Protein backbone atom coordinates (compact mmCIF):
# COMPACT_ATOMS: atom_id res chain seq x y z
CA MET A 1 -20.03 25.01 -30.83
CA ASP A 2 -21.89 22.68 -28.48
CA SER A 3 -18.95 20.25 -28.43
CA ILE A 4 -16.62 23.00 -27.20
CA PHE A 5 -19.09 23.88 -24.44
CA VAL A 6 -19.39 20.19 -23.50
CA LEU A 7 -15.58 19.92 -23.37
CA ILE A 8 -15.36 22.91 -21.02
CA ILE A 9 -18.17 21.64 -18.77
CA ASP A 10 -16.76 18.10 -18.67
CA THR A 11 -13.23 19.32 -17.90
CA ALA A 12 -14.43 21.54 -15.07
CA ALA A 13 -16.57 18.69 -13.73
CA VAL A 14 -13.69 16.21 -13.82
CA VAL A 15 -11.34 18.58 -11.97
CA LEU A 16 -13.90 19.50 -9.31
CA ALA A 17 -15.22 15.98 -8.84
CA GLY A 18 -11.68 14.62 -8.81
CA ALA A 19 -10.79 16.96 -5.96
CA LEU A 20 -13.98 15.95 -4.13
CA LEU A 21 -13.23 12.25 -4.59
CA LEU A 22 -9.64 12.80 -3.45
CA ARG A 23 -10.97 14.59 -0.36
CA PHE A 24 -13.31 11.65 0.34
CA TRP A 25 -10.54 9.08 -0.21
CA MET A 26 -8.00 10.92 1.98
CA GLN A 27 -10.46 10.85 4.87
CA ALA A 28 -11.57 7.27 4.21
CA VAL A 29 -7.96 6.06 4.20
CA ARG A 30 -7.09 8.47 7.03
CA VAL A 31 -4.14 10.02 5.27
CA ARG A 32 -2.99 13.48 6.15
CA PRO A 33 -2.11 15.24 2.91
CA PRO A 34 0.92 17.46 2.40
CA MET A 35 0.11 21.14 2.87
CA GLU A 36 0.04 21.93 -0.87
CA ILE A 37 -2.38 19.12 -1.67
CA ALA A 38 -4.57 19.95 1.31
CA GLN A 39 -4.75 23.62 0.41
CA PHE A 40 -5.62 22.91 -3.21
CA THR A 41 -8.24 20.29 -2.36
CA TYR A 42 -9.95 22.17 0.44
CA GLN A 43 -9.94 25.57 -1.24
CA LEU A 44 -11.37 24.09 -4.42
CA THR A 45 -14.12 22.12 -2.68
CA ASP A 46 -15.04 23.87 0.59
CA TRP A 47 -17.69 26.06 -1.05
CA LEU A 48 -19.66 22.91 -1.91
CA VAL A 49 -18.77 20.55 0.93
CA ARG A 50 -19.39 22.85 3.90
CA PRO A 51 -23.07 23.55 3.14
CA LEU A 52 -23.65 19.85 2.44
CA ARG A 53 -22.05 18.91 5.76
CA ARG A 54 -24.86 20.71 7.57
CA VAL A 55 -27.28 18.29 5.96
CA LEU A 56 -24.99 15.24 5.65
CA PRO A 57 -22.57 15.01 8.56
CA GLY A 58 -19.74 12.53 8.35
CA ALA A 59 -20.71 9.10 9.59
CA GLY A 60 -18.64 5.98 10.06
CA GLY A 61 -15.43 7.93 9.49
CA TYR A 62 -16.42 8.89 5.94
CA ASP A 63 -16.88 12.33 4.46
CA TRP A 64 -20.27 11.68 2.83
CA ALA A 65 -20.69 15.35 1.91
CA SER A 66 -17.66 15.14 -0.42
CA LEU A 67 -18.96 12.00 -2.10
CA ILE A 68 -22.46 13.41 -2.57
CA ALA A 69 -20.95 16.65 -3.86
CA ALA A 70 -18.99 14.67 -6.47
CA TYR A 71 -22.24 13.00 -7.50
CA LEU A 72 -23.99 16.38 -7.76
CA VAL A 73 -21.19 17.72 -9.96
CA ALA A 74 -21.51 14.63 -12.19
CA LEU A 75 -25.29 15.03 -12.27
CA ILE A 76 -25.10 18.68 -13.34
CA ALA A 77 -22.52 17.89 -16.04
CA THR A 78 -24.62 14.96 -17.25
CA VAL A 79 -27.81 17.03 -17.40
CA VAL A 80 -26.00 19.73 -19.40
CA ASP A 81 -24.57 17.09 -21.76
CA ILE A 82 -28.00 15.48 -22.22
CA TRP A 83 -29.67 18.84 -22.72
CA LEU A 84 -27.15 19.87 -25.38
CA ALA A 85 -27.31 16.51 -27.15
CA GLY A 86 -31.08 16.20 -26.76
CA MET A 87 -30.80 12.43 -26.69
CA LEU A 88 -31.70 10.67 -23.49
CA SER A 89 -34.45 11.26 -21.01
CA PRO A 90 -33.63 13.32 -17.92
CA GLN A 91 -34.34 10.26 -15.75
CA ALA A 92 -31.33 8.55 -17.30
CA ALA A 93 -29.15 11.41 -16.03
CA PHE A 94 -29.24 10.05 -12.46
CA LEU A 95 -27.88 6.68 -13.55
CA LEU A 96 -25.35 8.17 -15.96
CA ALA A 97 -24.10 10.52 -13.22
CA LEU A 98 -23.56 7.52 -10.95
CA LEU A 99 -21.63 5.83 -13.77
CA ARG A 100 -19.48 8.94 -14.20
CA VAL A 101 -18.62 9.09 -10.50
CA CYS A 102 -17.68 5.40 -10.47
CA GLN A 103 -15.56 5.83 -13.59
CA TRP A 104 -13.87 8.96 -12.22
CA ALA A 105 -13.07 7.15 -8.95
CA LEU A 106 -11.64 4.15 -10.78
CA TYR A 107 -9.63 6.33 -13.16
CA GLY A 108 -8.38 8.28 -10.13
CA LEU A 109 -7.12 5.06 -8.56
CA ILE A 110 -5.43 4.15 -11.84
CA GLY A 111 -3.75 7.56 -11.86
CA LEU A 112 -2.56 7.13 -8.27
CA ILE A 113 -1.09 3.72 -9.06
CA LEU A 114 0.72 5.09 -12.11
CA ILE A 115 2.11 7.97 -10.02
CA GLU A 116 3.34 5.50 -7.40
CA VAL A 117 5.01 3.39 -10.08
CA VAL A 118 6.76 6.42 -11.57
CA PHE A 119 7.93 7.48 -8.11
CA SER A 120 9.31 3.99 -7.47
CA TRP A 121 11.30 4.15 -10.71
CA VAL A 122 12.44 7.77 -10.66
CA ASN A 123 12.65 8.91 -7.05
CA PRO A 124 11.21 6.64 -4.33
CA HIS A 125 12.13 9.23 -1.69
CA ALA A 126 10.22 12.11 -3.33
CA PRO A 127 8.24 14.22 -0.84
CA LEU A 128 4.87 13.10 -2.26
CA ALA A 129 5.81 9.40 -2.54
CA PRO A 130 4.70 8.39 1.00
CA PHE A 131 1.39 10.24 0.54
CA VAL A 132 0.63 8.49 -2.76
CA ARG A 133 1.75 5.15 -1.32
CA ALA A 134 -0.60 5.61 1.64
CA LEU A 135 -3.51 6.43 -0.69
CA ASN A 136 -2.83 3.26 -2.70
CA ASP A 137 -2.18 1.01 0.29
CA PRO A 138 -5.77 -0.24 0.81
CA LEU A 139 -5.86 -1.44 -2.78
CA MET A 140 -2.27 -2.63 -3.11
CA ARG A 141 -1.76 -4.38 0.25
CA PRO A 142 -4.04 -7.37 -0.51
CA LEU A 143 -2.56 -7.72 -3.98
CA ARG A 144 1.00 -7.64 -2.66
CA ARG A 145 0.14 -10.57 -0.41
CA ILE A 146 -1.08 -12.60 -3.39
CA VAL A 147 1.22 -11.54 -6.25
CA PRO A 148 4.79 -12.67 -5.58
CA LEU A 149 7.81 -10.54 -6.38
CA ILE A 150 9.69 -11.55 -9.51
CA GLY A 151 13.25 -10.89 -8.37
CA THR A 152 12.93 -7.32 -7.10
CA ILE A 153 10.07 -6.41 -9.46
CA ASP A 154 6.64 -5.88 -7.92
CA LEU A 155 3.95 -6.86 -10.43
CA SER A 156 1.02 -6.03 -8.13
CA PRO A 157 0.53 -2.56 -9.71
CA LEU A 158 0.07 -4.25 -13.08
CA VAL A 159 -2.51 -6.62 -11.59
CA ALA A 160 -4.26 -3.67 -9.93
CA LEU A 161 -4.39 -1.76 -13.21
CA ILE A 162 -5.92 -4.75 -14.99
CA LEU A 163 -8.49 -5.25 -12.22
CA LEU A 164 -9.43 -1.57 -12.28
CA GLN A 165 -9.87 -1.68 -16.06
CA ILE A 166 -12.13 -4.71 -15.65
CA ALA A 167 -14.12 -2.84 -13.00
CA ILE A 168 -14.56 0.14 -15.32
CA ARG A 169 -15.85 -2.11 -18.08
CA LEU A 170 -18.22 -3.94 -15.72
CA VAL A 171 -19.67 -0.71 -14.35
CA THR A 172 -20.16 0.59 -17.88
CA MET A 173 -21.83 -2.66 -19.00
CA ILE A 174 -24.17 -2.72 -16.01
CA VAL A 175 -25.28 0.87 -16.44
CA THR A 176 -25.72 0.62 -20.20
CA SER A 177 -27.81 -2.54 -19.75
CA LEU A 178 -30.08 -0.64 -17.34
CA LEU A 179 -30.61 2.18 -19.82
């Protein structure tokens, strides 16, 4: 029964933290989202971000309240997981929550790259395609300068996916070595 509860908590945490990380990334990249995405993101996260903004105002053009809120969601989910499993010390929850946020952010970038690739194959002129392309641009632009086109095929998304997988493994190794 505990595993079902953990599944529900982890799913809710991933959805909420994903929306918070998307909100942070949209502001960091300075992309104006389509109305549907904006409505979903802001309605799902405003209840947590607005009170945090009173304490943590945006600085340097970044929405720090959204990022801290994502960490708090990860921390709560981690504490519940640890409590149900009864394994690690509560002090490890802070580090594991940081690992979760890093992994969620990296997996989110992987998802955005895959969505952009599918759009480029299926319908490059889809209404969401420019939005997704703009979200990926800070990561893809440097790679597109380095990775040459092979005919008309752009291999930079493949390189980005490999680099993001390496980053996920490095973050996991670093955190597990600290525990």
